[in-house]
Amino acid sequence: MPRKRTLKLRCPICKKPVKNTDMDFPFCSQRCRTIDLGRWASGAYVISSPVRDAEEPIRESNLEDVDKDP
């Protein structure tokens, strides 16, 4: 029978080792979970560049075609 695999990762806030079976995974504690939530709420985490939709260039080219027809 295969063993259940446990991952050992590090808490993203304080870098303490955390197992995927821990209650607060991926954080080591409720404190680190709350710190992370506060960072999200304050805007500390941002996407570095705008996300572009795959259909966006198609829409722009269609709008240009419409503008050319008087």
Protein backbone atom coordinates (compact mmCIF):
# COMPACT_ATOMS: atom_id res chain seq x y z
CA MET A 1 0.00 0.00 0.00
CA PRO A 2 1.49 3.41 -0.97
CA ARG A 3 2.40 5.79 1.80
CA LYS A 4 0.60 9.09 2.07
CA ARG A 5 3.03 11.73 0.89
CA THR A 6 3.63 14.79 3.04
CA LEU A 7 5.21 17.92 1.63
CA LYS A 8 7.54 20.03 3.72
CA LEU A 9 7.39 23.63 2.63
CA ARG A 10 8.20 26.94 4.26
CA CYS A 11 5.73 29.49 5.57
CA PRO A 12 5.63 32.40 3.09
CA ILE A 13 5.71 34.94 5.94
CA CYS A 14 8.26 33.72 8.52
CA LYS A 15 9.92 30.88 6.54
CA LYS A 16 9.40 28.22 9.25
CA PRO A 17 9.01 24.65 7.94
CA VAL A 18 5.37 23.62 7.47
CA LYS A 19 3.89 20.25 6.54
CA ASN A 20 0.95 20.05 4.15
CA THR A 21 -0.94 18.16 6.84
CA ASP A 22 -0.78 21.07 9.31
CA MET A 23 -4.03 22.85 10.08
CA ASP A 24 -2.85 26.32 8.95
CA PHE A 25 -1.07 25.13 5.78
CA PRO A 26 0.53 26.87 3.86
CA PHE A 27 1.15 29.11 6.87
CA CYS A 28 2.73 27.99 10.13
CA SER A 29 0.18 29.75 12.36
CA GLN A 30 -2.93 31.90 12.44
CA ARG A 31 -0.66 34.89 13.07
CA CYS A 32 1.13 34.44 9.72
CA ARG A 33 -2.20 33.86 7.98
CA THR A 34 -3.50 37.17 9.39
CA ILE A 35 -0.32 39.03 8.35
CA ASP A 36 -0.75 37.73 4.80
CA LEU A 37 -4.41 38.78 4.73
CA GLY A 38 -3.41 42.26 5.93
CA ARG A 39 -0.88 42.53 3.10
CA TRP A 40 -3.55 41.64 0.55
CA ALA A 41 -6.00 44.13 2.07
CA SER A 42 -3.46 46.98 2.11
CA GLY A 43 -2.46 46.41 -1.51
CA ALA A 44 1.08 45.24 -0.77
CA TYR A 45 0.68 42.44 -3.30
CA VAL A 46 0.31 43.75 -6.84
CA ILE A 47 0.56 42.37 -10.35
CA SER A 48 3.59 43.96 -11.99
CA SER A 49 2.07 44.40 -15.45
CA PRO A 50 -1.51 44.54 -16.70
CA VAL A 51 -3.04 41.22 -17.63
CA ARG A 52 -4.14 41.23 -21.24
CA ASP A 53 -7.00 39.17 -22.55
CA ALA A 54 -6.17 36.92 -25.49
CA GLU A 55 -9.14 38.36 -27.44
CA GLU A 56 -8.18 41.99 -26.83
CA PRO A 57 -6.05 42.48 -30.02
CA ILE A 58 -8.87 40.97 -32.11
CA ARG A 59 -11.39 43.46 -30.69
CA GLU A 60 -9.03 46.39 -31.37
CA SER A 61 -8.54 45.37 -35.01
CA ASN A 62 -12.32 44.99 -35.46
CA LEU A 63 -12.88 48.47 -34.05
CA GLU A 64 -10.34 49.93 -36.48
CA ASP A 65 -12.21 48.32 -39.39
CA VAL A 66 -15.51 49.82 -38.21
CA ASP A 67 -13.96 53.29 -37.83
CA LYS A 68 -12.72 53.25 -41.46
CA ASP A 69 -16.21 52.75 -42.92
CA PRO A 70 -18.04 56.15 -43.02
